[in-house]
Amino acid sequence: MENSLRNDFLAAMSRAACTVSIVTTDGPAGRSGATVSAMSSVSADGEAPTLLVCLHQNSVTAQAIRDNGGFCVNVLRDDQSAISDRFAGRLDTTEGKFAGACWETGPTGFPRLHGGLVSFDCRLASEQKVGTHHVFIGAVVAVTAEDEGLPLIYSGRAYARPARLDATGLRSA
């Protein structure tokens, strides 16, 4: 791909707003997790609802998801940027990524963040490598709405908080 097109693409994508999630897994390949902004609903219909996450091909978590057969998507609240930074490797810690937050075991056996906004426990339905990333499709086994709040947003290469609008389109307190 032409370098200027790649740069234009990256600059344009930085203007898109995405929720921030921690994707976790555990099992024979070990416990692992990573921060992602590439998470989306695929379908609510079929045998089970499905969603997708994308992880770089060199990610330890990507290989663990493949070997463990699934993952849990933990959507972060707008006050949980430190958890995102820890799983993105921006905060050095000797305690490990899972320190500093309360984790439970979900129905799939994968780590679920206690106190996050919502968690989706998924069995791996399919996977495809596209460019430098693995696209994982998860069949949702369980959804846990943990807490009220707003999602942590990533846009413009920075964290943000969404503004809640009332029915008239005005900001509400």
N, C-alpha and C. Protein backbone atom coordinates (compact mmCIF):
# COMPACT_ATOMS: atom_id res chain seq x y z
N MET A 1 0.86 -1.17 0.00
CA MET A 1 0.00 0.00 0.00
C MET A 1 0.90 1.24 0.00
N GLU A 2 0.50 2.22 -0.74
CA GLU A 2 1.23 3.49 -0.80
C GLU A 2 1.29 4.11 0.59
N ASN A 3 2.49 4.58 0.98
CA ASN A 3 2.69 5.12 2.33
C ASN A 3 1.78 6.32 2.62
N SER A 4 1.56 7.20 1.64
CA SER A 4 0.71 8.37 1.90
C SER A 4 -0.74 7.95 2.11
N LEU A 5 -1.21 6.93 1.41
CA LEU A 5 -2.57 6.43 1.63
C LEU A 5 -2.68 5.84 3.03
N ARG A 6 -1.67 5.10 3.47
CA ARG A 6 -1.67 4.55 4.82
C ARG A 6 -1.73 5.67 5.85
N ASN A 7 -0.90 6.69 5.68
CA ASN A 7 -0.89 7.82 6.61
C ASN A 7 -2.22 8.55 6.61
N ASP A 8 -2.81 8.75 5.42
CA ASP A 8 -4.12 9.39 5.33
C ASP A 8 -5.18 8.56 6.05
N PHE A 9 -5.09 7.24 5.87
CA PHE A 9 -6.04 6.33 6.52
C PHE A 9 -5.91 6.42 8.04
N LEU A 10 -4.69 6.36 8.55
CA LEU A 10 -4.48 6.44 10.00
C LEU A 10 -4.97 7.77 10.56
N ALA A 11 -4.68 8.86 9.87
CA ALA A 11 -5.14 10.17 10.34
C ALA A 11 -6.66 10.25 10.34
N ALA A 12 -7.29 9.72 9.29
CA ALA A 12 -8.75 9.75 9.22
C ALA A 12 -9.37 8.86 10.29
N MET A 13 -8.82 7.67 10.52
CA MET A 13 -9.37 6.77 11.54
C MET A 13 -9.21 7.35 12.94
N SER A 14 -8.20 8.20 13.15
CA SER A 14 -8.03 8.80 14.47
C SER A 14 -9.18 9.75 14.80
N ARG A 15 -9.93 10.15 13.79
CA ARG A 15 -11.07 11.03 14.01
C ARG A 15 -12.35 10.25 14.35
N ALA A 16 -12.33 8.96 14.14
CA ALA A 16 -13.49 8.13 14.50
C ALA A 16 -13.49 7.91 16.00
N ALA A 17 -14.65 7.89 16.60
CA ALA A 17 -14.78 7.63 18.03
C ALA A 17 -15.11 6.15 18.24
N CYS A 18 -14.38 5.52 19.13
CA CYS A 18 -14.57 4.09 19.42
C CYS A 18 -14.65 3.88 20.92
N THR A 19 -15.44 2.89 21.33
CA THR A 19 -15.41 2.51 22.74
C THR A 19 -14.11 1.76 23.01
N VAL A 20 -13.68 1.78 24.26
CA VAL A 20 -12.45 1.11 24.65
C VAL A 20 -12.83 -0.12 25.47
N SER A 21 -12.26 -1.26 25.09
CA SER A 21 -12.55 -2.52 25.77
C SER A 21 -11.26 -3.25 26.10
N ILE A 22 -11.36 -4.11 27.11
CA ILE A 22 -10.28 -5.04 27.42
C ILE A 22 -10.78 -6.42 27.02
N VAL A 23 -10.03 -7.08 26.13
CA VAL A 23 -10.36 -8.43 25.71
C VAL A 23 -9.49 -9.37 26.51
N THR A 24 -10.12 -10.33 27.20
CA THR A 24 -9.39 -11.26 28.06
C THR A 24 -9.67 -12.69 27.66
N THR A 25 -8.77 -13.57 28.07
CA THR A 25 -8.94 -15.00 27.85
C THR A 25 -8.16 -15.75 28.93
N ASP A 26 -8.49 -17.01 29.10
CA ASP A 26 -7.78 -17.85 30.07
C ASP A 26 -8.02 -19.30 29.67
N GLY A 27 -7.11 -20.15 30.03
CA GLY A 27 -7.26 -21.57 29.71
C GLY A 27 -5.90 -22.21 29.52
N PRO A 28 -5.83 -23.27 28.70
CA PRO A 28 -4.57 -24.00 28.50
C PRO A 28 -3.42 -23.11 28.02
N ALA A 29 -3.72 -22.06 27.25
CA ALA A 29 -2.68 -21.16 26.73
C ALA A 29 -2.34 -20.05 27.72
N GLY A 30 -3.02 -20.03 28.87
CA GLY A 30 -2.73 -19.04 29.90
C GLY A 30 -3.68 -17.86 29.87
N ARG A 31 -3.52 -17.03 30.90
CA ARG A 31 -4.34 -15.84 31.08
C ARG A 31 -3.70 -14.66 30.34
N SER A 32 -4.51 -13.96 29.55
CA SER A 32 -3.97 -12.86 28.78
C SER A 32 -5.06 -11.84 28.52
N GLY A 33 -4.65 -10.62 28.18
CA GLY A 33 -5.61 -9.58 27.87
C GLY A 33 -4.95 -8.45 27.11
N ALA A 34 -5.78 -7.69 26.38
CA ALA A 34 -5.29 -6.57 25.60
C ALA A 34 -6.37 -5.51 25.48
N THR A 35 -5.94 -4.26 25.36
CA THR A 35 -6.85 -3.15 25.10
C THR A 35 -7.18 -3.13 23.61
N VAL A 36 -8.46 -2.96 23.28
CA VAL A 36 -8.87 -2.84 21.88
C VAL A 36 -9.88 -1.71 21.72
N SER A 37 -9.83 -1.08 20.58
CA SER A 37 -10.89 -0.16 20.19
C SER A 37 -11.65 -0.74 19.00
N ALA A 38 -11.11 -1.81 18.42
CA ALA A 38 -11.75 -2.47 17.28
C ALA A 38 -12.64 -3.60 17.79
N MET A 39 -13.85 -3.23 18.23
CA MET A 39 -14.86 -4.18 18.70
C MET A 39 -16.19 -3.70 18.15
N SER A 40 -16.98 -4.65 17.64
CA SER A 40 -18.26 -4.26 17.06
C SER A 40 -19.24 -5.42 17.08
N SER A 41 -20.51 -5.07 17.14
CA SER A 41 -21.57 -6.06 16.98
C SER A 41 -21.53 -6.59 15.56
N VAL A 42 -21.79 -7.87 15.39
CA VAL A 42 -21.93 -8.46 14.05
C VAL A 42 -23.39 -8.73 13.79
N SER A 43 -24.04 -9.50 14.70
CA SER A 43 -25.46 -9.81 14.52
C SER A 43 -26.09 -10.22 15.85
N ALA A 44 -27.34 -9.83 16.04
CA ALA A 44 -28.08 -10.26 17.22
C ALA A 44 -28.86 -11.53 16.94
N ASP A 45 -28.92 -11.95 15.69
CA ASP A 45 -29.73 -13.10 15.27
C ASP A 45 -28.85 -14.30 14.95
N GLY A 46 -29.49 -15.45 14.76
CA GLY A 46 -28.78 -16.70 14.51
C GLY A 46 -28.79 -17.55 15.75
N GLU A 47 -27.89 -18.53 15.79
CA GLU A 47 -27.82 -19.41 16.95
C GLU A 47 -27.49 -18.64 18.23
N ALA A 48 -26.65 -17.63 18.08
CA ALA A 48 -26.25 -16.78 19.20
C ALA A 48 -25.90 -15.41 18.64
N PRO A 49 -26.05 -14.36 19.43
CA PRO A 49 -25.55 -13.06 18.98
C PRO A 49 -24.04 -13.17 18.76
N THR A 50 -23.51 -12.34 17.88
CA THR A 50 -22.07 -12.37 17.60
C THR A 50 -21.50 -10.96 17.61
N LEU A 51 -20.22 -10.90 17.96
CA LEU A 51 -19.46 -9.65 17.89
C LEU A 51 -18.08 -9.97 17.38
N LEU A 52 -17.35 -8.92 17.02
CA LEU A 52 -15.99 -9.13 16.54
C LEU A 52 -15.01 -8.25 17.29
N VAL A 53 -13.79 -8.73 17.39
CA VAL A 53 -12.66 -7.96 17.90
C VAL A 53 -11.48 -8.19 16.96
N CYS A 54 -10.62 -7.19 16.87
CA CYS A 54 -9.43 -7.30 16.03
C CYS A 54 -8.18 -7.11 16.90
N LEU A 55 -7.22 -8.01 16.71
CA LEU A 55 -5.96 -7.93 17.45
C LEU A 55 -4.80 -8.15 16.49
N HIS A 56 -3.70 -7.46 16.73
CA HIS A 56 -2.52 -7.57 15.88
C HIS A 56 -2.00 -9.01 15.88
N GLN A 57 -1.46 -9.42 14.74
CA GLN A 57 -0.98 -10.79 14.57
C GLN A 57 0.13 -11.16 15.56
N ASN A 58 0.89 -10.20 16.04
CA ASN A 58 1.97 -10.49 17.00
C ASN A 58 1.52 -10.44 18.45
N SER A 59 0.25 -10.20 18.68
CA SER A 59 -0.27 -10.10 20.04
C SER A 59 -0.27 -11.46 20.72
N VAL A 60 0.28 -11.49 21.92
CA VAL A 60 0.24 -12.71 22.73
C VAL A 60 -1.22 -13.08 23.00
N THR A 61 -2.06 -12.09 23.21
CA THR A 61 -3.48 -12.34 23.49
C THR A 61 -4.19 -12.96 22.29
N ALA A 62 -3.83 -12.56 21.08
CA ALA A 62 -4.45 -13.16 19.88
C ALA A 62 -4.18 -14.66 19.85
N GLN A 63 -2.94 -15.06 20.09
CA GLN A 63 -2.62 -16.49 20.09
C GLN A 63 -3.33 -17.21 21.23
N ALA A 64 -3.42 -16.58 22.39
CA ALA A 64 -4.10 -17.20 23.53
C ALA A 64 -5.59 -17.38 23.25
N ILE A 65 -6.22 -16.41 22.59
CA ILE A 65 -7.64 -16.54 22.22
C ILE A 65 -7.83 -17.75 21.31
N ARG A 66 -6.96 -17.89 20.35
CA ARG A 66 -7.05 -19.04 19.42
C ARG A 66 -6.93 -20.36 20.19
N ASP A 67 -5.93 -20.43 21.07
CA ASP A 67 -5.67 -21.68 21.80
C ASP A 67 -6.70 -21.95 22.89
N ASN A 68 -7.23 -20.89 23.51
CA ASN A 68 -8.21 -21.06 24.59
C ASN A 68 -9.64 -21.19 24.08
N GLY A 69 -9.88 -20.86 22.82
CA GLY A 69 -11.20 -21.05 22.23
C GLY A 69 -12.23 -19.99 22.56
N GLY A 70 -11.78 -18.81 22.98
CA GLY A 70 -12.75 -17.77 23.25
C GLY A 70 -12.16 -16.59 23.98
N PHE A 71 -13.06 -15.67 24.35
CA PHE A 71 -12.63 -14.43 24.98
C PHE A 71 -13.80 -13.75 25.66
N CYS A 72 -13.48 -12.76 26.48
CA CYS A 72 -14.48 -11.91 27.10
C CYS A 72 -14.15 -10.46 26.74
N VAL A 73 -15.14 -9.74 26.24
CA VAL A 73 -14.97 -8.31 25.93
C VAL A 73 -15.52 -7.53 27.11
N ASN A 74 -14.68 -6.71 27.71
CA ASN A 74 -15.04 -5.90 28.86
C ASN A 74 -15.03 -4.43 28.44
N VAL A 75 -16.21 -3.84 28.24
CA VAL A 75 -16.31 -2.44 27.83
C VAL A 75 -16.08 -1.57 29.06
N LEU A 76 -15.12 -0.65 28.94
CA LEU A 76 -14.74 0.18 30.07
C LEU A 76 -15.65 1.39 30.26
N ARG A 77 -15.82 1.78 31.53
CA ARG A 77 -16.53 3.01 31.87
C ARG A 77 -15.60 4.20 31.61
N ASP A 78 -16.17 5.38 31.52
CA ASP A 78 -15.39 6.57 31.19
C ASP A 78 -14.37 6.97 32.26
N ASP A 79 -14.41 6.35 33.43
CA ASP A 79 -13.41 6.65 34.47
C ASP A 79 -12.38 5.53 34.63
N GLN A 80 -12.27 4.64 33.64
CA GLN A 80 -11.37 3.49 33.76
C GLN A 80 -10.21 3.52 32.76
N SER A 81 -9.73 4.71 32.41
CA SER A 81 -8.64 4.81 31.44
C SER A 81 -7.35 4.16 31.96
N ALA A 82 -7.14 4.14 33.26
CA ALA A 82 -5.92 3.52 33.80
C ALA A 82 -5.88 2.02 33.50
N ILE A 83 -7.04 1.37 33.50
CA ILE A 83 -7.09 -0.06 33.15
C ILE A 83 -6.72 -0.23 31.69
N SER A 84 -7.24 0.65 30.84
CA SER A 84 -6.89 0.60 29.42
C SER A 84 -5.38 0.77 29.23
N ASP A 85 -4.81 1.76 29.90
CA ASP A 85 -3.37 2.01 29.78
C ASP A 85 -2.54 0.81 30.24
N ARG A 86 -2.99 0.16 31.30
CA ARG A 86 -2.26 -1.00 31.83
C ARG A 86 -2.24 -2.13 30.79
N PHE A 87 -3.40 -2.42 30.18
CA PHE A 87 -3.48 -3.51 29.21
C PHE A 87 -2.88 -3.14 27.85
N ALA A 88 -2.73 -1.84 27.59
CA ALA A 88 -2.09 -1.39 26.36
C ALA A 88 -0.57 -1.31 26.51
N GLY A 89 -0.08 -1.55 27.73
CA GLY A 89 1.35 -1.52 27.98
C GLY A 89 1.91 -0.13 28.19
N ARG A 90 1.03 0.87 28.41
CA ARG A 90 1.49 2.24 28.65
C ARG A 90 1.87 2.47 30.11
N LEU A 91 1.45 1.59 31.01
CA LEU A 91 1.81 1.69 32.41
C LEU A 91 2.66 0.47 32.76
N ASP A 92 3.88 0.72 33.17
CA ASP A 92 4.74 -0.38 33.59
C ASP A 92 4.33 -0.82 34.98
N THR A 93 4.21 -2.12 35.15
CA THR A 93 3.85 -2.64 36.45
C THR A 93 4.51 -4.00 36.65
N THR A 94 5.04 -4.20 37.82
CA THR A 94 5.63 -5.50 38.14
C THR A 94 4.54 -6.49 38.54
N GLU A 95 3.35 -5.97 38.89
CA GLU A 95 2.26 -6.84 39.33
C GLU A 95 1.55 -7.52 38.17
N GLY A 96 1.68 -6.99 36.97
CA GLY A 96 1.02 -7.57 35.80
C GLY A 96 -0.22 -6.80 35.41
N LYS A 97 -0.71 -7.09 34.23
CA LYS A 97 -1.86 -6.37 33.66
C LYS A 97 -3.12 -6.47 34.50
N PHE A 98 -3.35 -7.62 35.11
CA PHE A 98 -4.62 -7.85 35.82
C PHE A 98 -4.64 -7.22 37.22
N ALA A 99 -3.51 -6.68 37.66
CA ALA A 99 -3.47 -6.00 38.96
C ALA A 99 -4.19 -4.66 38.85
N GLY A 100 -4.68 -4.17 39.97
CA GLY A 100 -5.29 -2.85 39.99
C GLY A 100 -6.75 -2.82 39.60
N ALA A 101 -7.36 -3.97 39.40
CA ALA A 101 -8.79 -4.06 39.09
C ALA A 101 -9.30 -5.38 39.65
N CYS A 102 -10.59 -5.47 39.86
CA CYS A 102 -11.20 -6.69 40.39
C CYS A 102 -11.72 -7.54 39.24
N TRP A 103 -11.24 -8.76 39.15
CA TRP A 103 -11.62 -9.67 38.08
C TRP A 103 -12.38 -10.86 38.62
N GLU A 104 -13.41 -11.28 37.90
CA GLU A 104 -14.20 -12.47 38.22
C GLU A 104 -14.07 -13.45 37.06
N THR A 105 -14.48 -14.66 37.30
CA THR A 105 -14.52 -15.65 36.23
C THR A 105 -15.93 -15.68 35.68
N GLY A 106 -16.05 -15.43 34.38
CA GLY A 106 -17.35 -15.45 33.73
C GLY A 106 -17.79 -16.87 33.40
N PRO A 107 -18.98 -17.03 32.82
CA PRO A 107 -19.52 -18.35 32.50
C PRO A 107 -18.62 -19.16 31.55
N THR A 108 -17.83 -18.48 30.75
CA THR A 108 -16.94 -19.16 29.81
C THR A 108 -15.62 -19.57 30.47
N GLY A 109 -15.36 -19.05 31.68
CA GLY A 109 -14.10 -19.29 32.35
C GLY A 109 -13.07 -18.20 32.08
N PHE A 110 -13.46 -17.20 31.29
CA PHE A 110 -12.54 -16.10 30.97
C PHE A 110 -12.71 -14.97 31.98
N PRO A 111 -11.65 -14.19 32.20
CA PRO A 111 -11.73 -13.08 33.17
C PRO A 111 -12.73 -12.00 32.74
N ARG A 112 -13.55 -11.62 33.70
CA ARG A 112 -14.56 -10.58 33.49
C ARG A 112 -14.30 -9.47 34.51
N LEU A 113 -14.27 -8.23 34.03
CA LEU A 113 -13.99 -7.09 34.89
C LEU A 113 -15.20 -6.77 35.75
N HIS A 114 -15.01 -6.81 37.08
CA HIS A 114 -16.06 -6.41 37.99
C HIS A 114 -16.05 -4.89 38.07
N GLY A 115 -17.21 -4.27 37.79
CA GLY A 115 -17.29 -2.82 37.85
C GLY A 115 -17.08 -2.14 36.52
N GLY A 116 -16.97 -2.91 35.45
CA GLY A 116 -16.91 -2.30 34.12
C GLY A 116 -18.32 -1.92 33.68
N LEU A 117 -18.45 -1.45 32.48
CA LEU A 117 -19.76 -1.05 31.98
C LEU A 117 -20.59 -2.26 31.57
N VAL A 118 -20.01 -3.13 30.76
CA VAL A 118 -20.68 -4.35 30.32
C VAL A 118 -19.63 -5.35 29.86
N SER A 119 -19.93 -6.64 30.00
CA SER A 119 -19.03 -7.70 29.55
C SER A 119 -19.78 -8.67 28.67
N PHE A 120 -19.09 -9.16 27.65
CA PHE A 120 -19.64 -10.15 26.72
C PHE A 120 -18.74 -11.37 26.76
N ASP A 121 -19.25 -12.47 27.34
CA ASP A 121 -18.50 -13.73 27.35
C ASP A 121 -18.76 -14.45 26.04
N CYS A 122 -17.68 -14.82 25.33
CA CYS A 122 -17.82 -15.37 23.98
C CYS A 122 -17.01 -16.65 23.78
N ARG A 123 -17.58 -17.54 23.04
CA ARG A 123 -16.86 -18.70 22.50
C ARG A 123 -16.39 -18.29 21.11
N LEU A 124 -15.20 -18.72 20.72
CA LEU A 124 -14.67 -18.38 19.41
C LEU A 124 -15.47 -19.09 18.32
N ALA A 125 -16.15 -18.33 17.48
CA ALA A 125 -16.96 -18.90 16.39
C ALA A 125 -16.15 -19.01 15.11
N SER A 126 -15.34 -18.00 14.82
CA SER A 126 -14.47 -18.05 13.64
C SER A 126 -13.39 -17.00 13.77
N GLU A 127 -12.43 -17.11 12.88
CA GLU A 127 -11.31 -16.19 12.90
C GLU A 127 -10.75 -16.09 11.49
N GLN A 128 -10.28 -14.90 11.15
CA GLN A 128 -9.67 -14.70 9.84
C GLN A 128 -8.55 -13.69 9.99
N LYS A 129 -7.44 -13.95 9.32
CA LYS A 129 -6.34 -12.98 9.32
C LYS A 129 -6.56 -12.05 8.14
N VAL A 130 -6.58 -10.74 8.44
CA VAL A 130 -6.73 -9.71 7.42
C VAL A 130 -5.58 -8.73 7.59
N GLY A 131 -4.70 -8.66 6.61
CA GLY A 131 -3.52 -7.80 6.74
C GLY A 131 -2.70 -8.24 7.92
N THR A 132 -2.45 -7.33 8.84
CA THR A 132 -1.62 -7.62 10.01
C THR A 132 -2.42 -8.01 11.25
N HIS A 133 -3.75 -8.18 11.09
CA HIS A 133 -4.61 -8.42 12.25
C HIS A 133 -5.44 -9.69 12.11
N HIS A 134 -5.76 -10.26 13.26
CA HIS A 134 -6.72 -11.35 13.34
C HIS A 134 -8.08 -10.74 13.67
N VAL A 135 -9.10 -11.13 12.92
CA VAL A 135 -10.47 -10.73 13.21
C VAL A 135 -11.12 -11.95 13.85
N PHE A 136 -11.49 -11.82 15.11
CA PHE A 136 -12.12 -12.91 15.85
C PHE A 136 -13.62 -12.64 15.94
N ILE A 137 -14.42 -13.62 15.56
CA ILE A 137 -15.87 -13.54 15.71
C ILE A 137 -16.22 -14.39 16.92
N GLY A 138 -16.89 -13.77 17.89
CA GLY A 138 -17.28 -14.48 19.10
C GLY A 138 -18.78 -14.70 19.15
N ALA A 139 -19.18 -15.94 19.48
CA ALA A 139 -20.59 -16.24 19.75
C ALA A 139 -20.83 -15.92 21.22
N VAL A 140 -21.72 -14.97 21.46
CA VAL A 140 -21.95 -14.49 22.83
C VAL A 140 -22.70 -15.54 23.63
N VAL A 141 -22.13 -15.92 24.77
CA VAL A 141 -22.70 -16.90 25.68
C VAL A 141 -23.48 -16.20 26.80
N ALA A 142 -22.94 -15.05 27.24
CA ALA A 142 -23.58 -14.31 28.34
C ALA A 142 -23.20 -12.83 28.24
N VAL A 143 -24.13 -11.99 28.69
CA VAL A 143 -23.90 -10.55 28.76
C VAL A 143 -24.12 -10.14 30.22
N THR A 144 -23.18 -9.38 30.75
CA THR A 144 -23.29 -8.89 32.11
C THR A 144 -23.20 -7.38 32.11
N ALA A 145 -24.30 -6.72 32.44
CA ALA A 145 -24.30 -5.26 32.59
C ALA A 145 -23.91 -4.99 34.03
N GLU A 146 -22.72 -4.48 34.22
CA GLU A 146 -22.15 -4.33 35.55
C GLU A 146 -22.62 -3.10 36.30
N ASP A 147 -22.68 -1.96 35.61
CA ASP A 147 -22.84 -0.71 36.32
C ASP A 147 -23.46 0.32 35.40
N GLU A 148 -24.07 1.31 35.98
CA GLU A 148 -24.53 2.45 35.21
C GLU A 148 -23.31 3.27 34.84
N GLY A 149 -23.45 4.05 33.81
CA GLY A 149 -22.35 4.92 33.45
C GLY A 149 -22.27 5.09 31.96
N LEU A 150 -21.22 5.73 31.52
CA LEU A 150 -20.97 5.98 30.11
C LEU A 150 -19.69 5.28 29.70
N PRO A 151 -19.56 4.93 28.42
CA PRO A 151 -18.36 4.23 27.98
C PRO A 151 -17.15 5.15 27.85
N LEU A 152 -15.97 4.57 28.02
CA LEU A 152 -14.73 5.25 27.73
C LEU A 152 -14.59 5.30 26.21
N ILE A 153 -14.33 6.47 25.68
CA ILE A 153 -14.21 6.68 24.23
C ILE A 153 -12.76 7.00 23.89
N TYR A 154 -12.33 6.55 22.71
CA TYR A 154 -11.01 6.90 22.21
C TYR A 154 -11.19 7.57 20.86
N SER A 155 -10.71 8.80 20.75
CA SER A 155 -10.81 9.55 19.50
C SER A 155 -9.74 10.62 19.50
N GLY A 156 -9.21 10.93 18.33
CA GLY A 156 -8.16 11.95 18.27
C GLY A 156 -6.92 11.55 19.03
N ARG A 157 -6.68 10.24 19.13
CA ARG A 157 -5.53 9.68 19.85
C ARG A 157 -5.53 10.04 21.34
N ALA A 158 -6.76 10.18 21.89
CA ALA A 158 -6.90 10.51 23.31
C ALA A 158 -8.21 9.93 23.83
N TYR A 159 -8.28 9.76 25.15
CA TYR A 159 -9.52 9.32 25.78
C TYR A 159 -10.49 10.48 25.84
N ALA A 160 -11.78 10.14 25.83
CA ALA A 160 -12.82 11.16 25.93
C ALA A 160 -14.02 10.57 26.66
N ARG A 161 -14.88 11.47 27.11
CA ARG A 161 -16.14 11.07 27.74
C ARG A 161 -17.27 11.55 26.84
N PRO A 162 -18.24 10.70 26.60
CA PRO A 162 -19.37 11.15 25.77
C PRO A 162 -20.26 12.11 26.55
N ALA A 163 -20.90 12.99 25.84
CA ALA A 163 -21.88 13.90 26.45
C ALA A 163 -23.25 13.27 26.29
N ARG A 164 -23.99 13.19 27.36
CA ARG A 164 -25.35 12.63 27.28
C ARG A 164 -26.29 13.73 26.86
N LEU A 165 -27.10 13.46 25.81
CA LEU A 165 -28.06 14.42 25.32
C LEU A 165 -29.46 13.99 25.73
N ASP A 166 -30.31 14.95 26.02
CA ASP A 166 -31.70 14.62 26.32
C ASP A 166 -32.47 14.50 24.99
N ALA A 167 -33.77 14.24 25.05
CA ALA A 167 -34.61 14.03 23.87
C ALA A 167 -34.61 15.22 22.93
N THR A 168 -34.30 16.41 23.42
CA THR A 168 -34.31 17.60 22.57
C THR A 168 -32.95 17.83 21.89
N GLY A 169 -31.96 17.02 22.26
CA GLY A 169 -30.63 17.19 21.69
C GLY A 169 -29.75 18.11 22.52
N LEU A 170 -30.23 18.55 23.67
CA LEU A 170 -29.45 19.39 24.56
C LEU A 170 -28.70 18.53 25.57
N ARG A 171 -27.57 18.99 26.01
CA ARG A 171 -26.82 18.24 27.03
C ARG A 171 -27.60 18.21 28.33
N SER A 172 -27.63 17.04 28.93
CA SER A 172 -28.27 16.92 30.24
C SER A 172 -27.19 16.83 31.30
N ALA A 173 -27.53 17.20 32.50
CA ALA A 173 -26.55 17.24 33.59
C ALA A 173 -26.17 15.86 34.05
